[in-house]
PDB file of N, CA and C in Angstrom:
ATOM      1  N   UNK A   1      -6.447  -1.717 -13.052  1.00  0.00           N
ATOM      2  CA  UNK A   1      -5.069  -2.029 -13.377  1.00  0.00           C
ATOM      3  C   UNK A   1      -5.029  -2.477 -14.824  1.00  0.00           C
ATOM      4  N   UNK A   2      -4.303  -1.735 -15.641  1.00  0.00           N
ATOM      5  CA  UNK A   2      -4.074  -2.094 -17.039  1.00  0.00           C
ATOM      6  C   UNK A   2      -2.701  -2.741 -17.104  1.00  0.00           C
ATOM      7  N   UNK A   3      -2.678  -4.083 -17.091  1.00  0.00           N
ATOM      8  CA  UNK A   3      -1.405  -4.806 -17.054  1.00  0.00           C
ATOM      9  C   UNK A   3      -0.579  -4.597 -18.313  1.00  0.00           C
ATOM     10  N   UNK A   4      -1.234  -4.530 -19.479  1.00  0.00           N
ATOM     11  CA  UNK A   4      -0.503  -4.354 -20.733  1.00  0.00           C
ATOM     12  C   UNK A   4       0.230  -3.010 -20.756  1.00  0.00           C
ATOM     13  N   UNK A   5      -0.437  -1.957 -20.304  1.00  0.00           N
ATOM     14  CA  UNK A   5       0.169  -0.619 -20.296  1.00  0.00           C
ATOM     15  C   UNK A   5       0.934  -0.332 -19.007  1.00  0.00           C
ATOM     16  N   UNK A   6       0.779  -1.213 -17.987  1.00  0.00           N
ATOM     17  CA  UNK A   6       1.422  -1.047 -16.675  1.00  0.00           C
ATOM     18  C   UNK A   6       0.991   0.261 -16.001  1.00  0.00           C
ATOM     19  N   UNK A   7      -0.323   0.544 -16.094  1.00  0.00           N
ATOM     20  CA  UNK A   7      -0.896   1.757 -15.499  1.00  0.00           C
ATOM     21  C   UNK A   7      -1.996   1.356 -14.519  1.00  0.00           C
ATOM     22  N   UNK A   8      -1.931   1.924 -13.313  1.00  0.00           N
ATOM     23  CA  UNK A   8      -2.935   1.719 -12.276  1.00  0.00           C
ATOM     24  C   UNK A   8      -3.663   3.042 -12.060  1.00  0.00           C
ATOM     25  N   UNK A   9      -4.998   3.007 -12.101  1.00  0.00           N
ATOM     26  CA  UNK A   9      -5.799   4.203 -11.821  1.00  0.00           C
ATOM     27  C   UNK A   9      -6.682   3.919 -10.613  1.00  0.00           C
ATOM     28  N   UNK A  10      -6.614   4.810  -9.644  1.00  0.00           N
ATOM     29  CA  UNK A  10      -7.403   4.688  -8.422  1.00  0.00           C
ATOM     30  C   UNK A  10      -8.356   5.879  -8.346  1.00  0.00           C
ATOM     31  N   UNK A  11      -9.645   5.595  -8.311  1.00  0.00           N
ATOM     32  CA  UNK A  11     -10.642   6.646  -8.115  1.00  0.00           C
ATOM     33  C   UNK A  11     -10.935   6.697  -6.627  1.00  0.00           C
ATOM     34  N   UNK A  12     -10.620   7.830  -5.998  1.00  0.00           N
ATOM     35  CA  UNK A  12     -10.660   7.947  -4.554  1.00  0.00           C
ATOM     36  C   UNK A  12     -11.456   9.160  -4.107  1.00  0.00           C
ATOM     37  N   UNK A  13     -11.937   9.097  -2.881  1.00  0.00           N
ATOM     38  CA  UNK A  13     -12.444  10.262  -2.184  1.00  0.00           C
ATOM     39  C   UNK A  13     -11.419  10.522  -1.083  1.00  0.00           C
ATOM     40  N   UNK A  14     -10.637  11.574  -1.230  1.00  0.00           N
ATOM     41  CA  UNK A  14      -9.469  11.834  -0.382  1.00  0.00           C
ATOM     42  C   UNK A  14      -9.848  12.773   0.762  1.00  0.00           C
ATOM     43  N   UNK A  15      -9.463  12.372   1.982  1.00  0.00           N
ATOM     44  CA  UNK A  15      -9.670  13.251   3.136  1.00  0.00           C
ATOM     45  C   UNK A  15      -8.659  14.389   3.041  1.00  0.00           C
ATOM     46  N   UNK A  16      -9.148  15.613   2.948  1.00  0.00           N
ATOM     47  CA  UNK A  16      -8.266  16.782   2.875  1.00  0.00           C
ATOM     48  C   UNK A  16      -8.503  17.720   4.052  1.00  0.00           C
ATOM     49  N   UNK A  17      -9.287  17.256   5.008  1.00  0.00           N
ATOM     50  CA  UNK A  17      -9.531  18.030   6.218  1.00  0.00           C
ATOM     51  C   UNK A  17      -8.317  17.983   7.124  1.00  0.00           C
ATOM     52  N   UNK A  18      -8.464  18.552   8.287  1.00  0.00           N
ATOM     53  CA  UNK A  18      -7.382  18.585   9.269  1.00  0.00           C
ATOM     54  C   UNK A  18      -7.983  18.386  10.652  1.00  0.00           C
ATOM     55  N   UNK A  19      -7.293  17.618  11.477  1.00  0.00           N
ATOM     56  CA  UNK A  19      -7.756  17.415  12.844  1.00  0.00           C
ATOM     57  C   UNK A  19      -7.747  18.727  13.632  1.00  0.00           C
ATOM     58  N   UNK A  20      -7.012  19.727  13.138  1.00  0.00           N
ATOM     59  CA  UNK A  20      -6.955  21.023  13.803  1.00  0.00           C
ATOM     60  C   UNK A  20      -8.160  21.903  13.472  1.00  0.00           C
ATOM     61  N   UNK A  21      -8.951  21.506  12.480  1.00  0.00           N
ATOM     62  CA  UNK A  21     -10.103  22.297  12.083  1.00  0.00           C
ATOM     63  C   UNK A  21     -11.329  21.879  12.898  1.00  0.00           C
ATOM     64  N   UNK A  22     -12.233  22.823  13.137  1.00  0.00           N
ATOM     65  CA  UNK A  22     -13.463  22.465  13.865  1.00  0.00           C
ATOM     66  C   UNK A  22     -14.415  21.700  12.939  1.00  0.00           C
ATOM     67  N   UNK A  23     -15.257  20.839  13.522  1.00  0.00           N
ATOM     68  CA  UNK A  23     -16.280  20.190  12.696  1.00  0.00           C
ATOM     69  C   UNK A  23     -17.180  21.268  12.109  1.00  0.00           C
ATOM     70  N   UNK A  24     -17.742  21.175  10.944  1.00  0.00           N
ATOM     71  CA  UNK A  24     -17.622  20.086   9.995  1.00  0.00           C
ATOM     72  C   UNK A  24     -16.434  20.218   9.037  1.00  0.00           C
ATOM     73  N   UNK A  25     -15.657  21.282   9.126  1.00  0.00           N
ATOM     74  CA  UNK A  25     -14.528  21.466   8.197  1.00  0.00           C
ATOM     75  C   UNK A  25     -13.497  20.346   8.349  1.00  0.00           C
ATOM     76  N   UNK A  26     -13.439  19.743   9.521  1.00  0.00           N
ATOM     77  CA  UNK A  26     -12.496  18.655   9.761  1.00  0.00           C
ATOM     78  C   UNK A  26     -12.750  17.498   8.793  1.00  0.00           C
ATOM     79  N   UNK A  27     -14.026  17.202   8.528  1.00  0.00           N
ATOM     80  CA  UNK A  27     -14.392  16.071   7.667  1.00  0.00           C
ATOM     81  C   UNK A  27     -14.620  16.541   6.231  1.00  0.00           C
ATOM     82  N   UNK A  28     -13.554  17.092   5.647  1.00  0.00           N
ATOM     83  CA  UNK A  28     -13.600  17.599   4.269  1.00  0.00           C
ATOM     84  C   UNK A  28     -12.926  16.583   3.354  1.00  0.00           C
ATOM     85  N   UNK A  29     -13.600  16.221   2.268  1.00  0.00           N
ATOM     86  CA  UNK A  29     -13.111  15.240   1.302  1.00  0.00           C
ATOM     87  C   UNK A  29     -13.226  15.809  -0.104  1.00  0.00           C
ATOM     88  N   UNK A  30     -12.449  15.210  -1.033  1.00  0.00           N
ATOM     89  CA  UNK A  30     -12.520  15.632  -2.428  1.00  0.00           C
ATOM     90  C   UNK A  30     -12.253  14.430  -3.323  1.00  0.00           C
ATOM     91  N   UNK A  31     -13.034  14.307  -4.392  1.00  0.00           N
ATOM     92  CA  UNK A  31     -12.843  13.231  -5.353  1.00  0.00           C
ATOM     93  C   UNK A  31     -11.574  13.468  -6.168  1.00  0.00           C
ATOM     94  N   UNK A  32     -10.851  12.376  -6.426  1.00  0.00           N
ATOM     95  CA  UNK A  32      -9.605  12.469  -7.186  1.00  0.00           C
ATOM     96  C   UNK A  32      -9.344  11.157  -7.903  1.00  0.00           C
ATOM     97  N   UNK A  33      -8.542  11.234  -8.948  1.00  0.00           N
ATOM     98  CA  UNK A  33      -8.015  10.055  -9.615  1.00  0.00           C
ATOM     99  C   UNK A  33      -6.505  10.102  -9.497  1.00  0.00           C
ATOM    100  N   UNK A  34      -5.929   9.025  -8.963  1.00  0.00           N
ATOM    101  CA  UNK A  34      -4.475   8.878  -8.888  1.00  0.00           C
ATOM    102  C   UNK A  34      -4.085   7.905  -9.987  1.00  0.00           C
ATOM    103  N   UNK A  35      -3.157   8.320 -10.832  1.00  0.00           N
ATOM    104  CA  UNK A  35      -2.662   7.479 -11.919  1.00  0.00           C
ATOM    105  C   UNK A  35      -1.205   7.147 -11.652  1.00  0.00           C
ATOM    106  N   UNK A  36      -0.900   5.861 -11.591  1.00  0.00           N
ATOM    107  CA  UNK A  36       0.467   5.375 -11.350  1.00  0.00           C
ATOM    108  C   UNK A  36       0.960   4.693 -12.611  1.00  0.00           C
ATOM    109  N   UNK A  37       2.149   5.053 -13.055  1.00  0.00           N
ATOM    110  CA  UNK A  37       2.714   4.503 -14.288  1.00  0.00           C
ATOM    111  C   UNK A  37       3.890   3.584 -13.972  1.00  0.00           C
ATOM    112  N   UNK A  38       4.249   2.789 -14.954  1.00  0.00           N
ATOM    113  CA  UNK A  38       5.376   1.852 -14.829  1.00  0.00           C
ATOM    114  C   UNK A  38       5.204   0.933 -13.625  1.00  0.00           C
ATOM    115  N   UNK A  39       3.998   0.396 -13.459  1.00  0.00           N
ATOM    116  CA  UNK A  39       3.712  -0.493 -12.337  1.00  0.00           C
ATOM    117  C   UNK A  39       4.473  -1.801 -12.529  1.00  0.00           C
ATOM    118  N   UNK A  40       5.308  -2.129 -11.550  1.00  0.00           N
ATOM    119  CA  UNK A  40       6.129  -3.335 -11.620  1.00  0.00           C
ATOM    120  C   UNK A  40       5.382  -4.561 -11.107  1.00  0.00           C
ATOM    121  N   UNK A  41       4.593  -4.389 -10.052  1.00  0.00           N
ATOM    122  CA  UNK A  41       3.746  -5.466  -9.529  1.00  0.00           C
ATOM    123  C   UNK A  41       2.534  -4.873  -8.852  1.00  0.00           C
ATOM    124  N   UNK A  42       1.486  -5.694  -8.734  1.00  0.00           N
ATOM    125  CA  UNK A  42       0.225  -5.292  -8.122  1.00  0.00           C
ATOM    126  C   UNK A  42      -0.333  -6.520  -7.415  1.00  0.00           C
ATOM    127  N   UNK A  43      -0.373  -6.499  -6.085  1.00  0.00           N
ATOM    128  CA  UNK A  43      -0.770  -7.653  -5.279  1.00  0.00           C
ATOM    129  C   UNK A  43      -1.928  -7.245  -4.376  1.00  0.00           C
ATOM    130  N   UNK A  44      -3.010  -8.016  -4.433  1.00  0.00           N
ATOM    131  CA  UNK A  44      -4.184  -7.755  -3.600  1.00  0.00           C
ATOM    132  C   UNK A  44      -4.409  -8.959  -2.701  1.00  0.00           C
ATOM    133  N   UNK A  45      -4.324  -8.732  -1.384  1.00  0.00           N
ATOM    134  CA  UNK A  45      -4.628  -9.806  -0.436  1.00  0.00           C
ATOM    135  C   UNK A  45      -6.139 -10.014  -0.377  1.00  0.00           C
ATOM    136  N   UNK A  46      -6.574 -11.246  -0.171  1.00  0.00           N
ATOM    137  CA  UNK A  46      -8.019 -11.469  -0.002  1.00  0.00           C
ATOM    138  C   UNK A  46      -8.484 -10.896   1.336  1.00  0.00           C
ATOM    139  N   UNK A  47      -9.778 -10.611   1.452  1.00  0.00           N
ATOM    140  CA  UNK A  47     -10.298 -10.128   2.734  1.00  0.00           C
ATOM    141  C   UNK A  47     -10.057 -11.145   3.842  1.00  0.00           C
ATOM    142  N   UNK A  48      -9.838 -10.637   5.040  1.00  0.00           N
ATOM    143  CA  UNK A  48      -9.722 -11.487   6.220  1.00  0.00           C
ATOM    144  C   UNK A  48     -11.050 -12.232   6.392  1.00  0.00           C
ATOM    145  N   UNK A  49     -10.981 -13.541   6.594  1.00  0.00           N
ATOM    146  CA  UNK A  49     -12.198 -14.357   6.710  1.00  0.00           C
ATOM    147  C   UNK A  49     -13.097 -13.914   7.861  1.00  0.00           C
ATOM    148  N   UNK A  50     -12.519 -13.247   8.859  1.00  0.00           N
ATOM    149  CA  UNK A  50     -13.339 -12.804   9.999  1.00  0.00           C
ATOM    150  C   UNK A  50     -14.044 -11.470   9.714  1.00  0.00           C
ATOM    151  N   UNK A  51     -13.850 -10.897   8.528  1.00  0.00           N
ATOM    152  CA  UNK A  51     -14.451  -9.595   8.194  1.00  0.00           C
ATOM    153  C   UNK A  51     -15.334  -9.648   6.950  1.00  0.00           C
ATOM    154  N   UNK A  52     -16.096 -10.701   6.695  1.00  0.00           N
ATOM    155  CA  UNK A  52     -16.873 -10.754   5.461  1.00  0.00           C
ATOM    156  C   UNK A  52     -17.994  -9.711   5.451  1.00  0.00           C
ATOM    157  N   UNK A  53     -18.109  -9.033   4.318  1.00  0.00           N
ATOM    158  CA  UNK A  53     -19.207  -8.107   4.129  1.00  0.00           C
ATOM    159  C   UNK A  53     -19.197  -6.893   5.028  1.00  0.00           C
ATOM    160  N   UNK A  54     -18.049  -6.528   5.579  1.00  0.00           N
ATOM    161  CA  UNK A  54     -18.041  -5.408   6.506  1.00  0.00           C
ATOM    162  C   UNK A  54     -17.934  -4.055   5.816  1.00  0.00           C
ATOM    163  N   UNK A  55     -17.623  -4.036   4.539  1.00  0.00           N
ATOM    164  CA  UNK A  55     -17.514  -2.759   3.824  1.00  0.00           C
ATOM    165  C   UNK A  55     -18.900  -2.162   3.614  1.00  0.00           C
ATOM    166  N   UNK A  56     -18.980  -0.851   3.705  1.00  0.00           N
ATOM    167  CA  UNK A  56     -20.242  -0.182   3.436  1.00  0.00           C
ATOM    168  C   UNK A  56     -20.465  -0.147   1.932  1.00  0.00           C
ATOM    169  N   UNK A  57     -21.715  -0.218   1.475  1.00  0.00           N
ATOM    170  CA  UNK A  57     -21.977  -0.183   0.042  1.00  0.00           C
ATOM    171  C   UNK A  57     -21.377   1.066  -0.599  1.00  0.00           C
ATOM    172  N   UNK A  58     -20.713   0.885  -1.728  1.00  0.00           N
ATOM    173  CA  UNK A  58     -20.193   2.008  -2.483  1.00  0.00           C
ATOM    174  C   UNK A  58     -18.798   2.443  -2.124  1.00  0.00           C
ATOM    175  N   UNK A  59     -18.176   1.892  -1.116  1.00  0.00           N
ATOM    176  CA  UNK A  59     -16.832   2.338  -0.804  1.00  0.00           C
ATOM    177  C   UNK A  59     -16.177   1.560   0.311  1.00  0.00           C
ATOM    178  N   UNK A  60     -14.885   1.781   0.443  1.00  0.00           N
ATOM    179  CA  UNK A  60     -14.080   1.187   1.496  1.00  0.00           C
ATOM    180  C   UNK A  60     -13.182   2.268   2.068  1.00  0.00           C
ATOM    181  N   UNK A  61     -12.657   2.051   3.247  1.00  0.00           N
ATOM    182  CA  UNK A  61     -11.719   2.994   3.866  1.00  0.00           C
ATOM    183  C   UNK A  61     -10.325   2.404   3.773  1.00  0.00           C
ATOM    184  N   UNK A  62      -9.362   3.248   3.381  1.00  0.00           N
ATOM    185  CA  UNK A  62      -7.983   2.788   3.251  1.00  0.00           C
ATOM    186  C   UNK A  62      -7.033   3.749   3.941  1.00  0.00           C
ATOM    187  N   UNK A  63      -5.855   3.247   4.257  1.00  0.00           N
ATOM    188  CA  UNK A  63      -4.720   4.047   4.685  1.00  0.00           C
ATOM    189  C   UNK A  63      -3.594   3.638   3.748  1.00  0.00           C
ATOM    190  N   UNK A  64      -2.599   4.473   3.559  1.00  0.00           N
ATOM    191  CA  UNK A  64      -1.558   4.153   2.590  1.00  0.00           C
ATOM    192  C   UNK A  64      -0.227   4.744   2.997  1.00  0.00           C
ATOM    193  N   UNK A  65       0.831   4.208   2.439  1.00  0.00           N
ATOM    194  CA  UNK A  65       2.170   4.716   2.707  1.00  0.00           C
ATOM    195  C   UNK A  65       3.196   4.068   1.784  1.00  0.00           C
ATOM    196  N   UNK A  66       4.431   4.518   1.901  1.00  0.00           N
ATOM    197  CA  UNK A  66       5.530   3.977   1.101  1.00  0.00           C
ATOM    198  C   UNK A  66       6.271   2.913   1.886  1.00  0.00           C
ATOM    199  N   UNK A  67       6.909   1.993   1.164  1.00  0.00           N
ATOM    200  CA  UNK A  67       7.738   0.977   1.794  1.00  0.00           C
ATOM    201  C   UNK A  67       6.915  -0.157   2.346  1.00  0.00           C
ATOM    202  N   UNK A  68       7.245  -0.593   3.554  1.00  0.00           N
ATOM    203  CA  UNK A  68       6.519  -1.676   4.226  1.00  0.00           C
ATOM    204  C   UNK A  68       5.675  -1.107   5.355  1.00  0.00           C
ATOM    205  N   UNK A  69       4.495  -1.691   5.592  1.00  0.00           N
ATOM    206  CA  UNK A  69       3.613  -1.185   6.637  1.00  0.00           C
ATOM    207  C   UNK A  69       4.015  -1.671   8.030  1.00  0.00           C
ATOM    208  N   UNK A  70       4.902  -0.979   8.665  1.00  0.00           N
ATOM    209  CA  UNK A  70       5.311  -1.333  10.026  1.00  0.00           C
ATOM    210  C   UNK A  70       6.047  -2.650  10.094  1.00  0.00           C
ATOM    211  N   UNK A  71       5.636  -3.486  11.021  1.00  0.00           N
ATOM    212  CA  UNK A  71       6.310  -4.768  11.228  1.00  0.00           C
ATOM    213  C   UNK A  71       5.855  -5.843  10.258  1.00  0.00           C
ATOM    214  N   UNK A  72       4.764  -5.602   9.531  1.00  0.00           N
ATOM    215  CA  UNK A  72       4.237  -6.583   8.581  1.00  0.00           C
ATOM    216  C   UNK A  72       5.139  -6.606   7.354  1.00  0.00           C
ATOM    217  N   UNK A  73       5.718  -7.755   7.055  1.00  0.00           N
ATOM    218  CA  UNK A  73       6.651  -7.890   5.935  1.00  0.00           C
ATOM    219  C   UNK A  73       6.172  -8.994   4.994  1.00  0.00           C
ATOM    220  N   UNK A  74       5.311  -8.665   4.056  1.00  0.00           N
ATOM    221  CA  UNK A  74       4.849  -9.688   3.118  1.00  0.00           C
ATOM    222  C   UNK A  74       5.967 -10.078   2.144  1.00  0.00           C
ATOM    223  N   UNK A  75       5.846 -11.240   1.540  1.00  0.00           N
ATOM    224  CA  UNK A  75       6.802 -11.659   0.519  1.00  0.00           C
ATOM    225  C   UNK A  75       6.389 -11.028  -0.800  1.00  0.00           C
ATOM    226  N   UNK A  76       7.193 -10.094  -1.258  1.00  0.00           N
ATOM    227  CA  UNK A  76       6.914  -9.367  -2.491  1.00  0.00           C
ATOM    228  C   UNK A  76       8.174  -9.319  -3.342  1.00  0.00           C
ATOM    229  N   UNK A  77       8.014  -9.096  -4.636  1.00  0.00           N
ATOM    230  CA  UNK A  77       9.209  -8.894  -5.464  1.00  0.00           C
ATOM    231  C   UNK A  77       9.934  -7.626  -5.032  1.00  0.00           C
ATOM    232  N   UNK A  78      11.216  -7.542  -5.319  1.00  0.00           N
ATOM    233  CA  UNK A  78      11.937  -6.298  -5.080  1.00  0.00           C
ATOM    234  C   UNK A  78      11.390  -5.231  -6.021  1.00  0.00           C
ATOM    235  N   UNK A  79      11.272  -4.018  -5.510  1.00  0.00           N
ATOM    236  CA  UNK A  79      10.823  -2.909  -6.350  1.00  0.00           C
ATOM    237  C   UNK A  79      11.967  -2.520  -7.282  1.00  0.00           C
ATOM    238  N   UNK A  80      11.760  -2.567  -8.595  1.00  0.00           N
ATOM    239  CA  UNK A  80      12.830  -2.211  -9.523  1.00  0.00           C
ATOM    240  C   UNK A  80      13.285  -0.765  -9.360  1.00  0.00           C
ATOM    241  N   UNK A  81      14.494  -0.485  -9.778  1.00  0.00           N
ATOM    242  CA  UNK A  81      15.011   0.878  -9.744  1.00  0.00           C
ATOM    243  C   UNK A  81      14.055   1.786 -10.506  1.00  0.00           C
ATOM    244  N   UNK A  82      13.814   2.949  -9.939  1.00  0.00           N
ATOM    245  CA  UNK A  82      12.905   3.913 -10.560  1.00  0.00           C
ATOM    246  C   UNK A  82      11.456   3.748 -10.144  1.00  0.00           C
ATOM    247  N   UNK A  83      11.179   2.769  -9.256  1.00  0.00           N
ATOM    248  CA  UNK A  83       9.820   2.600  -8.737  1.00  0.00           C
ATOM    249  C   UNK A  83       9.835   2.722  -7.225  1.00  0.00           C
ATOM    250  N   UNK A  84       8.682   2.970  -6.665  1.00  0.00           N
ATOM    251  CA  UNK A  84       8.511   3.086  -5.215  1.00  0.00           C
ATOM    252  C   UNK A  84       7.496   2.055  -4.760  1.00  0.00           C
ATOM    253  N   UNK A  85       7.837   1.254  -3.733  1.00  0.00           N
ATOM    254  CA  UNK A  85       6.845   0.315  -3.203  1.00  0.00           C
ATOM    255  C   UNK A  85       5.802   1.048  -2.357  1.00  0.00           C
ATOM    256  N   UNK A  86       4.539   0.716  -2.577  1.00  0.00           N
ATOM    257  CA  UNK A  86       3.413   1.365  -1.902  1.00  0.00           C
ATOM    258  C   UNK A  86       2.545   0.291  -1.264  1.00  0.00           C
ATOM    259  N   UNK A  87       2.038   0.580  -0.067  1.00  0.00           N
ATOM    260  CA  UNK A  87       1.050  -0.295   0.563  1.00  0.00           C
ATOM    261  C   UNK A  87      -0.226   0.486   0.792  1.00  0.00           C
ATOM    262  N   UNK A  88      -1.331  -0.228   0.733  1.00  0.00           N
ATOM    263  CA  UNK A  88      -2.640   0.328   1.054  1.00  0.00           C
ATOM    264  C   UNK A  88      -3.321  -0.680   1.982  1.00  0.00           C
ATOM    265  N   UNK A  89      -3.731  -0.234   3.154  1.00  0.00           N
ATOM    266  CA  UNK A  89      -4.453  -1.100   4.080  1.00  0.00           C
ATOM    267  C   UNK A  89      -5.939  -0.857   3.904  1.00  0.00           C
ATOM    268  N   UNK A  90      -6.683  -1.908   3.575  1.00  0.00           N
ATOM    269  CA  UNK A  90      -8.133  -1.829   3.405  1.00  0.00           C
ATOM    270  C   UNK A  90      -8.757  -2.181   4.753  1.00  0.00           C
ATOM    271  N   UNK A  91      -9.166  -1.155   5.480  1.00  0.00           N
ATOM    272  CA  UNK A  91      -9.659  -1.338   6.845  1.00  0.00           C
ATOM    273  C   UNK A  91     -10.879  -2.253   6.915  1.00  0.00           C
ATOM    274  N   UNK A  92     -11.783  -2.110   5.949  1.00  0.00           N
ATOM    275  CA  UNK A  92     -13.026  -2.874   5.967  1.00  0.00           C
ATOM    276  C   UNK A  92     -12.790  -4.377   5.821  1.00  0.00           C
ATOM    277  N   UNK A  93     -11.672  -4.766   5.222  1.00  0.00           N
ATOM    278  CA  UNK A  93     -11.364  -6.179   4.975  1.00  0.00           C
ATOM    279  C   UNK A  93     -10.159  -6.677   5.758  1.00  0.00           C
ATOM    280  N   UNK A  94      -9.520  -5.787   6.527  1.00  0.00           N
ATOM    281  CA  UNK A  94      -8.328  -6.159   7.294  1.00  0.00           C
ATOM    282  C   UNK A  94      -7.298  -6.844   6.393  1.00  0.00           C
ATOM    283  N   UNK A  95      -7.038  -6.226   5.242  1.00  0.00           N
ATOM    284  CA  UNK A  95      -6.079  -6.793   4.293  1.00  0.00           C
ATOM    285  C   UNK A  95      -5.376  -5.661   3.542  1.00  0.00           C
ATOM    286  N   UNK A  96      -4.343  -6.034   2.796  1.00  0.00           N
ATOM    287  CA  UNK A  96      -3.494  -5.060   2.118  1.00  0.00           C
ATOM    288  C   UNK A  96      -3.556  -5.179   0.602  1.00  0.00           C
ATOM    289  N   UNK A  97      -3.207  -4.072  -0.043  1.00  0.00           N
ATOM    290  CA  UNK A  97      -2.903  -4.015  -1.466  1.00  0.00           C
ATOM    291  C   UNK A  97      -1.482  -3.480  -1.551  1.00  0.00           C
ATOM    292  N   UNK A  98      -0.655  -4.113  -2.370  1.00  0.00           N
ATOM    293  CA  UNK A  98       0.733  -3.690  -2.542  1.00  0.00           C
ATOM    294  C   UNK A  98       1.013  -3.473  -4.023  1.00  0.00           C
ATOM    295  N   UNK A  99       1.781  -2.429  -4.322  1.00  0.00           N
ATOM    296  CA  UNK A  99       2.258  -2.258  -5.688  1.00  0.00           C
ATOM    297  C   UNK A  99       3.527  -1.421  -5.669  1.00  0.00           C
ATOM    298  N   UNK A 100       4.272  -1.505  -6.764  1.00  0.00           N
ATOM    299  CA  UNK A 100       5.443  -0.656  -6.954  1.00  0.00           C
ATOM    300  C   UNK A 100       5.239   0.055  -8.280  1.00  0.00           C
ATOM    301  N   UNK A 101       5.444   1.371  -8.281  1.00  0.00           N
ATOM    302  CA  UNK A 101       5.186   2.153  -9.483  1.00  0.00           C
ATOM    303  C   UNK A 101       6.237   3.236  -9.649  1.00  0.00           C
ATOM    304  N   UNK A 102       6.351   3.704 -10.880  1.00  0.00           N
ATOM    305  CA  UNK A 102       7.235   4.833 -11.195  1.00  0.00           C
ATOM    306  C   UNK A 102       6.527   6.123 -10.828  1.00  0.00           C
ATOM    307  N   UNK A 103       6.378   7.013 -11.796  1.00  0.00           N
ATOM    308  CA  UNK A 103       5.762   8.302 -11.478  1.00  0.00           C
ATOM    309  C   UNK A 103       4.250   8.159 -11.317  1.00  0.00           C
ATOM    310  N   UNK A 104       3.699   9.077 -10.533  1.00  0.00           N
ATOM    311  CA  UNK A 104       2.269   9.102 -10.267  1.00  0.00           C
ATOM    312  C   UNK A 104       1.756  10.531 -10.387  1.00  0.00           C
ATOM    313  N   UNK A 105       0.480  10.648 -10.671  1.00  0.00           N
ATOM    314  CA  UNK A 105      -0.135  11.974 -10.739  1.00  0.00           C
ATOM    315  C   UNK A 105      -1.496  11.920 -10.061  1.00  0.00           C
ATOM    316  N   UNK A 106      -1.939  13.066  -9.568  1.00  0.00           N
ATOM    317  CA  UNK A 106      -3.233  13.195  -8.923  1.00  0.00           C
ATOM    318  C   UNK A 106      -4.029  14.246  -9.673  1.00  0.00           C
ATOM    319  N   UNK A 107      -5.258  13.899 -10.020  1.00  0.00           N
ATOM    320  CA  UNK A 107      -6.159  14.838 -10.685  1.00  0.00           C
ATOM    321  C   UNK A 107      -7.414  14.976  -9.833  1.00  0.00           C
ATOM    322  N   UNK A 108      -7.714  16.204  -9.393  1.00  0.00           N
ATOM    323  CA  UNK A 108      -8.940  16.435  -8.652  1.00  0.00           C
ATOM    324  C   UNK A 108     -10.096  16.326  -9.629  1.00  0.00           C
ATOM    325  N   UNK A 109     -11.133  15.571  -9.276  1.00  0.00           N
ATOM    326  CA  UNK A 109     -12.240  15.326 -10.191  1.00  0.00           C
ATOM    327  C   UNK A 109     -13.576  15.801  -9.645  1.00  0.00           C
ATOM    328  N   UNK A 110     -13.569  16.479  -8.517  1.00  0.00           N
ATOM    329  CA  UNK A 110     -14.806  16.980  -7.929  1.00  0.00           C
ATOM    330  C   UNK A 110     -14.529  18.082  -6.939  1.00  0.00           C
ATOM    331  N   UNK A 111     -15.605  18.674  -6.473  1.00  0.00           N
ATOM    332  CA  UNK A 111     -15.526  19.748  -5.488  1.00  0.00           C
ATOM    333  C   UNK A 111     -15.400  19.176  -4.075  1.00  0.00           C
ATOM    334  N   UNK A 112     -15.035  20.015  -3.125  1.00  0.00           N
ATOM    335  CA  UNK A 112     -14.957  19.596  -1.726  1.00  0.00           C
ATOM    336  C   UNK A 112     -16.328  19.115  -1.253  1.00  0.00           C
ATOM    337  N   UNK A 113     -16.314  18.056  -0.419  1.00  0.00           N
ATOM    338  CA  UNK A 113     -17.521  17.531   0.221  1.00  0.00           C
ATOM    339  C   UNK A 113     -17.285  17.528   1.724  1.00  0.00           C
ATOM    340  N   UNK A 114     -18.326  17.792   2.468  1.00  0.00           N
ATOM    341  CA  UNK A 114     -18.232  17.818   3.929  1.00  0.00           C
ATOM    342  C   UNK A 114     -19.191  16.781   4.495  1.00  0.00           C
ATOM    343  N   UNK A 115     -18.707  16.008   5.464  1.00  0.00           N
ATOM    344  CA  UNK A 115     -19.531  14.961   6.085  1.00  0.00           C
ATOM    345  C   UNK A 115     -19.658  15.224   7.567  1.00  0.00           C
TER     346      UNK A 115
END
């Protein structure tokens, strides 16, 4: 997160497989960088105390979406006009990351990987 420039860059390994595909094609991933501009806020919850050290070395698993994550309503600033509120659930830590950003772009940075 570059606070001065209001730019967030996320280096991710994105699942691009499909549950309709047979193994191993189902577990297809690709490296990518997501760049979010005009970030209005960036909030990272601490890991749940009952989940210390549960992340595997080198990575974490996340889920993400727009708006609020279901019934969970954290106290956050209002997302300014022209931005979209985003949540990311960090499964390994049972905690969330929240931000609101303007435009975003995705750049593929690697070839498909199969697990």
